[in-house]
Amino acid sequence: MSEIRVKVADFAVAGTGAVIATIGLGSCVAIALYDPLARVGGLAHILLPSVGMSQDRENRAKFAGTAVPLLIEQMRAIGGRVERMRAKIAGGASMFTALLPTSGIQMGERNILATRDALTRAQVPLISEDVGGDHGRSVYFDVTTGNVLVKSLRRGDVTI
């Protein structure tokens, strides 16, 4: 089984036999899309909720609203069909709440909301998630099974 590593503001798509992993999610959100019939999957590690929050807007994997269509396009190119795709998400923690003002919505929560909105707009059902809290996560997406293993030093491992 080959492992494909996805860095911050990056993505990958693959077929059976691959694990797509991303390490060290804090306020970022990992978006895993899966077509169970074609056994095609994609994972994006989004950094920001919207393109308006960055000077560099070229990288589509960086933002929730552009990463979801990017994953769909790339998965379709290798046999996936959007009407069969399902989503799982992880991350969106509020890592440094003690250092931030108490008013306003935290970046992690903004990323979660933007990701849910992007999935709704793409008509891809969100079937499972492990989001929020104040702990980091790493994600391992097994494209053969569609299972997403979320590892956390503080909370242990959970499969979503």
N, C-alpha and C. Protein backbone atom coordinates (compact mmCIF):
# COMPACT_ATOMS: atom_id res chain seq x y z
N MET A 1 0.85 -1.18 0.00
CA MET A 1 0.00 0.00 0.00
C MET A 1 0.89 1.24 0.00
N SER A 2 0.65 2.13 -0.94
CA SER A 2 1.47 3.34 -1.03
C SER A 2 0.82 4.47 -0.25
N GLU A 3 1.66 5.29 0.39
CA GLU A 3 1.16 6.44 1.13
C GLU A 3 1.52 7.71 0.39
N ILE A 4 0.52 8.54 0.18
CA ILE A 4 0.70 9.84 -0.46
C ILE A 4 0.53 10.89 0.62
N ARG A 5 1.53 11.75 0.79
CA ARG A 5 1.47 12.80 1.82
C ARG A 5 0.96 14.09 1.21
N VAL A 6 -0.01 14.69 1.89
CA VAL A 6 -0.56 15.98 1.49
C VAL A 6 -0.12 17.01 2.51
N LYS A 7 0.52 18.07 2.02
CA LYS A 7 0.98 19.14 2.90
C LYS A 7 -0.13 20.18 3.06
N VAL A 8 0.13 21.20 3.87
CA VAL A 8 -0.82 22.30 4.06
C VAL A 8 -1.10 22.97 2.72
N ALA A 9 -2.37 23.26 2.45
CA ALA A 9 -2.79 23.91 1.21
C ALA A 9 -2.41 23.07 -0.01
N ASP A 10 -2.60 21.75 0.12
CA ASP A 10 -2.26 20.81 -0.93
C ASP A 10 -3.38 19.79 -1.03
N PHE A 11 -3.32 18.95 -2.07
CA PHE A 11 -4.32 17.90 -2.24
C PHE A 11 -3.71 16.75 -3.02
N ALA A 12 -4.41 15.61 -3.01
CA ALA A 12 -4.03 14.46 -3.83
C ALA A 12 -5.28 13.65 -4.10
N VAL A 13 -5.29 12.95 -5.24
CA VAL A 13 -6.32 11.98 -5.55
C VAL A 13 -5.64 10.67 -5.89
N ALA A 14 -6.35 9.56 -5.65
CA ALA A 14 -5.75 8.25 -5.90
C ALA A 14 -6.85 7.21 -6.00
N GLY A 15 -6.45 6.02 -6.43
CA GLY A 15 -7.35 4.88 -6.50
C GLY A 15 -6.97 3.84 -5.47
N THR A 16 -7.55 2.65 -5.63
CA THR A 16 -7.34 1.53 -4.71
C THR A 16 -5.85 1.28 -4.46
N GLY A 17 -5.53 0.95 -3.22
CA GLY A 17 -4.16 0.63 -2.86
C GLY A 17 -3.38 1.78 -2.28
N ALA A 18 -4.00 2.94 -2.22
CA ALA A 18 -3.30 4.11 -1.69
C ALA A 18 -3.90 4.56 -0.37
N VAL A 19 -3.04 5.14 0.45
CA VAL A 19 -3.47 5.86 1.64
C VAL A 19 -3.02 7.30 1.43
N ILE A 20 -3.96 8.24 1.54
CA ILE A 20 -3.62 9.65 1.42
C ILE A 20 -3.62 10.21 2.84
N ALA A 21 -2.49 10.79 3.24
CA ALA A 21 -2.33 11.23 4.63
C ALA A 21 -1.97 12.70 4.70
N THR A 22 -2.42 13.34 5.77
CA THR A 22 -1.98 14.69 6.08
C THR A 22 -1.73 14.77 7.58
N ILE A 23 -0.64 15.41 7.94
CA ILE A 23 -0.15 15.41 9.32
C ILE A 23 -0.29 16.82 9.90
N GLY A 24 -0.66 16.91 11.16
CA GLY A 24 -0.59 18.17 11.88
C GLY A 24 -1.69 19.16 11.58
N LEU A 25 -2.93 18.70 11.51
CA LEU A 25 -4.05 19.63 11.37
C LEU A 25 -4.29 20.34 12.68
N GLY A 26 -4.36 21.65 12.63
CA GLY A 26 -4.79 22.44 13.78
C GLY A 26 -6.12 23.05 13.42
N SER A 27 -6.10 24.35 13.06
CA SER A 27 -7.33 25.00 12.62
C SER A 27 -7.68 24.64 11.17
N CYS A 28 -6.73 24.04 10.45
CA CYS A 28 -6.97 23.59 9.08
C CYS A 28 -7.99 22.44 9.09
N VAL A 29 -8.60 22.20 7.93
CA VAL A 29 -9.55 21.10 7.79
C VAL A 29 -9.10 20.19 6.65
N ALA A 30 -9.13 18.89 6.92
CA ALA A 30 -8.90 17.88 5.88
C ALA A 30 -10.25 17.48 5.32
N ILE A 31 -10.37 17.53 4.00
CA ILE A 31 -11.59 17.14 3.31
C ILE A 31 -11.29 15.87 2.52
N ALA A 32 -11.96 14.77 2.86
CA ALA A 32 -11.80 13.51 2.14
C ALA A 32 -13.07 13.25 1.34
N LEU A 33 -12.94 13.11 0.03
CA LEU A 33 -14.05 12.74 -0.83
C LEU A 33 -13.81 11.33 -1.33
N TYR A 34 -14.90 10.55 -1.42
CA TYR A 34 -14.76 9.15 -1.81
C TYR A 34 -15.91 8.72 -2.70
N ASP A 35 -15.58 8.02 -3.78
CA ASP A 35 -16.55 7.36 -4.64
C ASP A 35 -16.40 5.86 -4.37
N PRO A 36 -17.35 5.27 -3.61
CA PRO A 36 -17.18 3.87 -3.20
C PRO A 36 -17.27 2.87 -4.34
N LEU A 37 -17.98 3.19 -5.41
CA LEU A 37 -18.09 2.26 -6.54
C LEU A 37 -16.80 2.23 -7.35
N ALA A 38 -16.28 3.40 -7.68
CA ALA A 38 -15.03 3.47 -8.45
C ALA A 38 -13.80 3.27 -7.56
N ARG A 39 -13.99 3.37 -6.24
CA ARG A 39 -12.89 3.33 -5.27
C ARG A 39 -11.81 4.34 -5.62
N VAL A 40 -12.29 5.56 -5.77
CA VAL A 40 -11.45 6.71 -6.06
C VAL A 40 -11.64 7.70 -4.92
N GLY A 41 -10.54 8.26 -4.43
CA GLY A 41 -10.63 9.21 -3.33
C GLY A 41 -9.74 10.41 -3.53
N GLY A 42 -10.06 11.46 -2.80
CA GLY A 42 -9.25 12.66 -2.83
C GLY A 42 -9.22 13.28 -1.45
N LEU A 43 -8.10 13.92 -1.14
CA LEU A 43 -7.95 14.58 0.16
C LEU A 43 -7.32 15.95 -0.06
N ALA A 44 -7.94 16.97 0.53
CA ALA A 44 -7.39 18.33 0.51
C ALA A 44 -7.16 18.78 1.95
N HIS A 45 -6.08 19.53 2.16
CA HIS A 45 -5.74 20.11 3.47
C HIS A 45 -5.91 21.61 3.32
N ILE A 46 -7.11 22.11 3.67
CA ILE A 46 -7.38 23.53 3.45
C ILE A 46 -6.87 24.36 4.63
N LEU A 47 -6.40 25.54 4.29
CA LEU A 47 -5.79 26.45 5.26
C LEU A 47 -6.75 27.55 5.70
N LEU A 48 -7.53 28.07 4.75
CA LEU A 48 -8.36 29.25 5.02
C LEU A 48 -9.79 29.04 4.51
N PRO A 49 -10.75 29.71 5.15
CA PRO A 49 -12.14 29.55 4.73
C PRO A 49 -12.49 30.22 3.41
N SER A 50 -11.78 31.30 3.04
CA SER A 50 -12.15 31.99 1.80
C SER A 50 -10.95 32.64 1.14
N VAL A 51 -11.05 32.82 -0.18
CA VAL A 51 -9.96 33.42 -0.94
C VAL A 51 -9.70 34.86 -0.53
N GLY A 52 -10.71 35.53 0.02
CA GLY A 52 -10.56 36.91 0.44
C GLY A 52 -9.60 37.09 1.61
N MET A 53 -9.17 36.01 2.22
CA MET A 53 -8.29 36.09 3.39
C MET A 53 -6.81 35.91 3.03
N SER A 54 -6.50 35.87 1.74
CA SER A 54 -5.13 35.61 1.33
C SER A 54 -4.72 36.49 0.15
N GLN A 55 -3.47 36.89 0.15
CA GLN A 55 -2.93 37.62 -1.00
C GLN A 55 -2.72 36.67 -2.17
N ASP A 56 -2.22 35.46 -1.86
CA ASP A 56 -1.98 34.44 -2.88
C ASP A 56 -3.26 33.62 -3.05
N ARG A 57 -3.94 33.83 -4.16
CA ARG A 57 -5.22 33.17 -4.38
C ARG A 57 -5.15 32.12 -5.49
N GLU A 58 -3.95 31.83 -5.97
CA GLU A 58 -3.78 30.90 -7.10
C GLU A 58 -3.97 29.45 -6.70
N ASN A 59 -3.62 29.11 -5.47
CA ASN A 59 -3.65 27.72 -5.02
C ASN A 59 -5.07 27.32 -4.61
N ARG A 60 -5.74 26.56 -5.45
CA ARG A 60 -7.14 26.18 -5.18
C ARG A 60 -7.28 25.26 -3.99
N ALA A 61 -6.24 24.53 -3.63
CA ALA A 61 -6.31 23.60 -2.49
C ALA A 61 -6.28 24.33 -1.15
N LYS A 62 -5.99 25.60 -1.18
CA LYS A 62 -5.81 26.39 0.05
C LYS A 62 -7.12 26.76 0.73
N PHE A 63 -8.20 26.82 -0.04
CA PHE A 63 -9.48 27.34 0.45
C PHE A 63 -10.59 26.31 0.29
N ALA A 64 -11.52 26.29 1.25
CA ALA A 64 -12.62 25.33 1.22
C ALA A 64 -13.43 25.44 -0.07
N GLY A 65 -13.81 26.66 -0.43
CA GLY A 65 -14.70 26.85 -1.58
C GLY A 65 -14.11 26.47 -2.92
N THR A 66 -12.79 26.45 -3.03
CA THR A 66 -12.16 26.07 -4.29
C THR A 66 -11.58 24.66 -4.23
N ALA A 67 -11.28 24.16 -3.04
CA ALA A 67 -10.71 22.81 -2.90
C ALA A 67 -11.72 21.72 -3.25
N VAL A 68 -12.98 21.90 -2.85
CA VAL A 68 -13.99 20.87 -3.13
C VAL A 68 -14.19 20.70 -4.64
N PRO A 69 -14.41 21.77 -5.43
CA PRO A 69 -14.52 21.58 -6.88
C PRO A 69 -13.24 21.00 -7.50
N LEU A 70 -12.08 21.39 -6.98
CA LEU A 70 -10.81 20.86 -7.46
C LEU A 70 -10.74 19.35 -7.24
N LEU A 71 -11.09 18.88 -6.05
CA LEU A 71 -11.09 17.44 -5.77
C LEU A 71 -12.06 16.71 -6.71
N ILE A 72 -13.24 17.26 -6.89
CA ILE A 72 -14.24 16.63 -7.77
C ILE A 72 -13.70 16.51 -9.19
N GLU A 73 -13.12 17.59 -9.72
CA GLU A 73 -12.55 17.58 -11.07
C GLU A 73 -11.49 16.49 -11.21
N GLN A 74 -10.56 16.46 -10.26
CA GLN A 74 -9.44 15.53 -10.33
C GLN A 74 -9.91 14.08 -10.15
N MET A 75 -10.91 13.86 -9.30
CA MET A 75 -11.45 12.50 -9.11
C MET A 75 -12.21 12.05 -10.35
N ARG A 76 -12.94 12.95 -10.99
CA ARG A 76 -13.64 12.60 -12.23
C ARG A 76 -12.65 12.18 -13.30
N ALA A 77 -11.49 12.80 -13.32
CA ALA A 77 -10.46 12.49 -14.33
C ALA A 77 -9.94 11.05 -14.19
N ILE A 78 -10.10 10.46 -13.00
CA ILE A 78 -9.63 9.07 -12.81
C ILE A 78 -10.78 8.10 -12.54
N GLY A 79 -11.99 8.51 -12.93
CA GLY A 79 -13.11 7.57 -12.90
C GLY A 79 -14.18 7.82 -11.86
N GLY A 80 -14.01 8.82 -11.01
CA GLY A 80 -15.03 9.11 -9.99
C GLY A 80 -16.23 9.82 -10.59
N ARG A 81 -17.38 9.66 -9.94
CA ARG A 81 -18.59 10.34 -10.36
C ARG A 81 -19.14 11.13 -9.19
N VAL A 82 -19.41 12.40 -9.40
CA VAL A 82 -19.80 13.29 -8.31
C VAL A 82 -21.08 12.83 -7.62
N GLU A 83 -22.00 12.24 -8.36
CA GLU A 83 -23.25 11.82 -7.75
C GLU A 83 -23.08 10.65 -6.77
N ARG A 84 -21.93 9.98 -6.82
CA ARG A 84 -21.66 8.89 -5.87
C ARG A 84 -20.73 9.31 -4.74
N MET A 85 -20.16 10.50 -4.83
CA MET A 85 -19.16 10.94 -3.85
C MET A 85 -19.78 11.23 -2.49
N ARG A 86 -19.02 10.91 -1.47
CA ARG A 86 -19.38 11.18 -0.08
C ARG A 86 -18.19 11.87 0.57
N ALA A 87 -18.45 12.69 1.58
CA ALA A 87 -17.38 13.45 2.21
C ALA A 87 -17.25 13.11 3.69
N LYS A 88 -16.01 13.18 4.16
CA LYS A 88 -15.69 13.12 5.58
C LYS A 88 -14.69 14.24 5.83
N ILE A 89 -14.83 14.90 6.99
CA ILE A 89 -13.92 16.00 7.29
C ILE A 89 -13.35 15.85 8.70
N ALA A 90 -12.17 16.41 8.90
CA ALA A 90 -11.52 16.39 10.22
C ALA A 90 -10.71 17.66 10.38
N GLY A 91 -10.55 18.09 11.63
CA GLY A 91 -9.74 19.28 11.93
C GLY A 91 -10.60 20.42 12.44
N GLY A 92 -10.16 21.62 12.14
CA GLY A 92 -10.90 22.81 12.54
C GLY A 92 -10.84 23.11 14.03
N ALA A 93 -9.71 22.77 14.64
CA ALA A 93 -9.57 23.00 16.08
C ALA A 93 -9.31 24.47 16.38
N SER A 94 -9.62 24.85 17.59
CA SER A 94 -9.23 26.17 18.11
C SER A 94 -8.02 25.92 18.99
N MET A 95 -6.85 26.06 18.42
CA MET A 95 -5.62 25.61 19.06
C MET A 95 -5.11 26.56 20.14
N PHE A 96 -5.32 27.84 19.99
CA PHE A 96 -4.68 28.80 20.88
C PHE A 96 -5.71 29.74 21.49
N THR A 97 -6.81 29.18 21.99
CA THR A 97 -7.91 30.01 22.48
C THR A 97 -7.49 30.93 23.62
N ALA A 98 -6.53 30.53 24.42
CA ALA A 98 -6.09 31.38 25.54
C ALA A 98 -5.39 32.64 25.04
N LEU A 99 -4.85 32.59 23.83
CA LEU A 99 -4.11 33.72 23.29
C LEU A 99 -4.98 34.66 22.44
N LEU A 100 -6.20 34.24 22.16
CA LEU A 100 -7.05 34.99 21.25
C LEU A 100 -8.16 35.72 22.00
N PRO A 101 -8.68 36.78 21.41
CA PRO A 101 -9.81 37.47 22.04
C PRO A 101 -11.02 36.55 22.09
N THR A 102 -11.85 36.71 23.11
CA THR A 102 -13.00 35.83 23.27
C THR A 102 -14.12 36.14 22.30
N SER A 103 -14.14 37.34 21.77
CA SER A 103 -15.21 37.69 20.84
C SER A 103 -14.85 37.19 19.44
N GLY A 104 -15.89 36.88 18.67
CA GLY A 104 -15.66 36.48 17.28
C GLY A 104 -15.49 34.98 17.14
N ILE A 105 -15.66 34.55 15.91
CA ILE A 105 -15.59 33.13 15.60
C ILE A 105 -14.13 32.76 15.28
N GLN A 106 -13.68 31.67 15.82
CA GLN A 106 -12.29 31.23 15.64
C GLN A 106 -12.05 30.71 14.22
N MET A 107 -10.79 30.70 13.80
CA MET A 107 -10.42 30.27 12.45
C MET A 107 -10.83 28.82 12.19
N GLY A 108 -10.63 27.95 13.16
CA GLY A 108 -11.02 26.55 12.97
C GLY A 108 -12.50 26.40 12.68
N GLU A 109 -13.32 27.11 13.44
CA GLU A 109 -14.77 27.06 13.23
C GLU A 109 -15.14 27.65 11.87
N ARG A 110 -14.47 28.72 11.48
CA ARG A 110 -14.72 29.31 10.16
C ARG A 110 -14.38 28.32 9.04
N ASN A 111 -13.28 27.60 9.21
CA ASN A 111 -12.91 26.59 8.21
C ASN A 111 -13.95 25.47 8.14
N ILE A 112 -14.45 25.03 9.29
CA ILE A 112 -15.48 23.98 9.31
C ILE A 112 -16.74 24.46 8.58
N LEU A 113 -17.21 25.65 8.91
CA LEU A 113 -18.42 26.18 8.29
C LEU A 113 -18.25 26.36 6.78
N ALA A 114 -17.10 26.87 6.36
CA ALA A 114 -16.84 27.07 4.93
C ALA A 114 -16.77 25.73 4.20
N THR A 115 -16.21 24.71 4.85
CA THR A 115 -16.12 23.38 4.24
C THR A 115 -17.51 22.77 4.09
N ARG A 116 -18.32 22.86 5.13
CA ARG A 116 -19.69 22.33 5.03
C ARG A 116 -20.46 23.04 3.92
N ASP A 117 -20.29 24.36 3.81
CA ASP A 117 -20.96 25.13 2.77
C ASP A 117 -20.50 24.71 1.37
N ALA A 118 -19.20 24.51 1.20
CA ALA A 118 -18.66 24.10 -0.10
C ALA A 118 -19.19 22.73 -0.51
N LEU A 119 -19.31 21.82 0.46
CA LEU A 119 -19.84 20.48 0.17
C LEU A 119 -21.32 20.56 -0.21
N THR A 120 -22.08 21.40 0.49
CA THR A 120 -23.50 21.58 0.18
C THR A 120 -23.66 22.13 -1.24
N ARG A 121 -22.85 23.14 -1.58
CA ARG A 121 -22.92 23.73 -2.92
C ARG A 121 -22.57 22.72 -4.01
N ALA A 122 -21.65 21.80 -3.71
CA ALA A 122 -21.24 20.78 -4.67
C ALA A 122 -22.19 19.57 -4.67
N GLN A 123 -23.15 19.57 -3.74
CA GLN A 123 -24.11 18.47 -3.59
C GLN A 123 -23.42 17.15 -3.26
N VAL A 124 -22.39 17.24 -2.41
CA VAL A 124 -21.70 16.06 -1.91
C VAL A 124 -22.07 15.90 -0.44
N PRO A 125 -22.76 14.81 -0.08
CA PRO A 125 -23.18 14.63 1.32
C PRO A 125 -21.99 14.46 2.27
N LEU A 126 -22.07 15.13 3.41
CA LEU A 126 -21.08 14.98 4.49
C LEU A 126 -21.60 13.86 5.39
N ILE A 127 -20.89 12.73 5.40
CA ILE A 127 -21.40 11.56 6.13
C ILE A 127 -20.73 11.34 7.48
N SER A 128 -19.58 11.97 7.72
CA SER A 128 -18.91 11.79 9.00
C SER A 128 -17.90 12.90 9.21
N GLU A 129 -17.65 13.22 10.49
CA GLU A 129 -16.67 14.26 10.78
C GLU A 129 -16.10 14.09 12.17
N ASP A 130 -14.90 14.61 12.34
CA ASP A 130 -14.24 14.73 13.64
C ASP A 130 -13.62 16.12 13.64
N VAL A 131 -14.37 17.10 14.17
CA VAL A 131 -13.97 18.50 14.03
C VAL A 131 -14.07 19.24 15.36
N GLY A 132 -13.42 20.42 15.39
CA GLY A 132 -13.49 21.30 16.55
C GLY A 132 -12.56 20.88 17.67
N GLY A 133 -12.90 21.29 18.86
CA GLY A 133 -12.05 20.99 20.01
C GLY A 133 -10.82 21.86 20.04
N ASP A 134 -9.85 21.44 20.83
CA ASP A 134 -8.62 22.22 20.98
C ASP A 134 -7.38 21.36 20.79
N HIS A 135 -7.52 20.28 19.99
CA HIS A 135 -6.41 19.35 19.81
C HIS A 135 -6.10 19.14 18.33
N GLY A 136 -4.82 18.91 18.06
CA GLY A 136 -4.37 18.65 16.71
C GLY A 136 -4.74 17.25 16.26
N ARG A 137 -4.70 17.04 14.96
CA ARG A 137 -5.06 15.75 14.38
C ARG A 137 -4.17 15.45 13.18
N SER A 138 -4.02 14.17 12.87
CA SER A 138 -3.46 13.72 11.61
C SER A 138 -4.46 12.77 10.99
N VAL A 139 -4.53 12.74 9.65
CA VAL A 139 -5.55 11.99 8.94
C VAL A 139 -4.91 11.02 7.97
N TYR A 140 -5.44 9.79 7.96
CA TYR A 140 -4.99 8.73 7.06
C TYR A 140 -6.22 8.17 6.34
N PHE A 141 -6.35 8.45 5.05
CA PHE A 141 -7.51 8.08 4.26
C PHE A 141 -7.16 6.87 3.40
N ASP A 142 -7.76 5.71 3.71
CA ASP A 142 -7.54 4.47 2.97
C ASP A 142 -8.51 4.46 1.79
N VAL A 143 -7.99 4.65 0.60
CA VAL A 143 -8.84 4.77 -0.59
C VAL A 143 -9.47 3.44 -0.96
N THR A 144 -8.88 2.32 -0.56
CA THR A 144 -9.47 1.01 -0.85
C THR A 144 -10.78 0.81 -0.10
N THR A 145 -10.83 1.23 1.17
CA THR A 145 -12.01 0.99 2.01
C THR A 145 -12.88 2.23 2.20
N GLY A 146 -12.32 3.41 2.00
CA GLY A 146 -13.03 4.65 2.29
C GLY A 146 -12.92 5.08 3.75
N ASN A 147 -12.24 4.28 4.57
CA ASN A 147 -12.08 4.62 5.98
C ASN A 147 -11.10 5.78 6.15
N VAL A 148 -11.44 6.67 7.08
CA VAL A 148 -10.56 7.78 7.42
C VAL A 148 -10.18 7.62 8.89
N LEU A 149 -8.90 7.35 9.14
CA LEU A 149 -8.38 7.23 10.49
C LEU A 149 -7.87 8.59 10.93
N VAL A 150 -8.42 9.09 12.04
CA VAL A 150 -8.01 10.37 12.59
C VAL A 150 -7.24 10.08 13.86
N LYS A 151 -5.97 10.50 13.88
CA LYS A 151 -5.11 10.28 15.04
C LYS A 151 -4.90 11.59 15.78
N SER A 152 -4.95 11.51 17.11
CA SER A 152 -4.70 12.67 17.94
C SER A 152 -3.96 12.21 19.19
N LEU A 153 -2.87 12.92 19.53
CA LEU A 153 -2.13 12.56 20.74
C LEU A 153 -3.00 12.73 21.98
N ARG A 154 -3.83 13.76 21.99
CA ARG A 154 -4.64 14.05 23.16
C ARG A 154 -5.90 13.18 23.24
N ARG A 155 -6.51 12.88 22.08
CA ARG A 155 -7.80 12.19 22.07
C ARG A 155 -7.73 10.75 21.59
N GLY A 156 -6.56 10.28 21.15
CA GLY A 156 -6.46 8.92 20.64
C GLY A 156 -6.91 8.84 19.18
N ASP A 157 -7.13 7.61 18.72
CA ASP A 157 -7.48 7.36 17.32
C ASP A 157 -8.96 7.10 17.17
N VAL A 158 -9.54 7.60 16.09
CA VAL A 158 -10.95 7.34 15.77
C VAL A 158 -11.05 7.17 14.26
N THR A 159 -11.90 6.22 13.84
CA THR A 159 -12.15 6.03 12.43
C THR A 159 -13.51 6.65 12.11
N ILE A 160 -13.50 7.52 11.11
CA ILE A 160 -14.75 8.18 10.71
C ILE A 160 -15.14 7.72 9.31
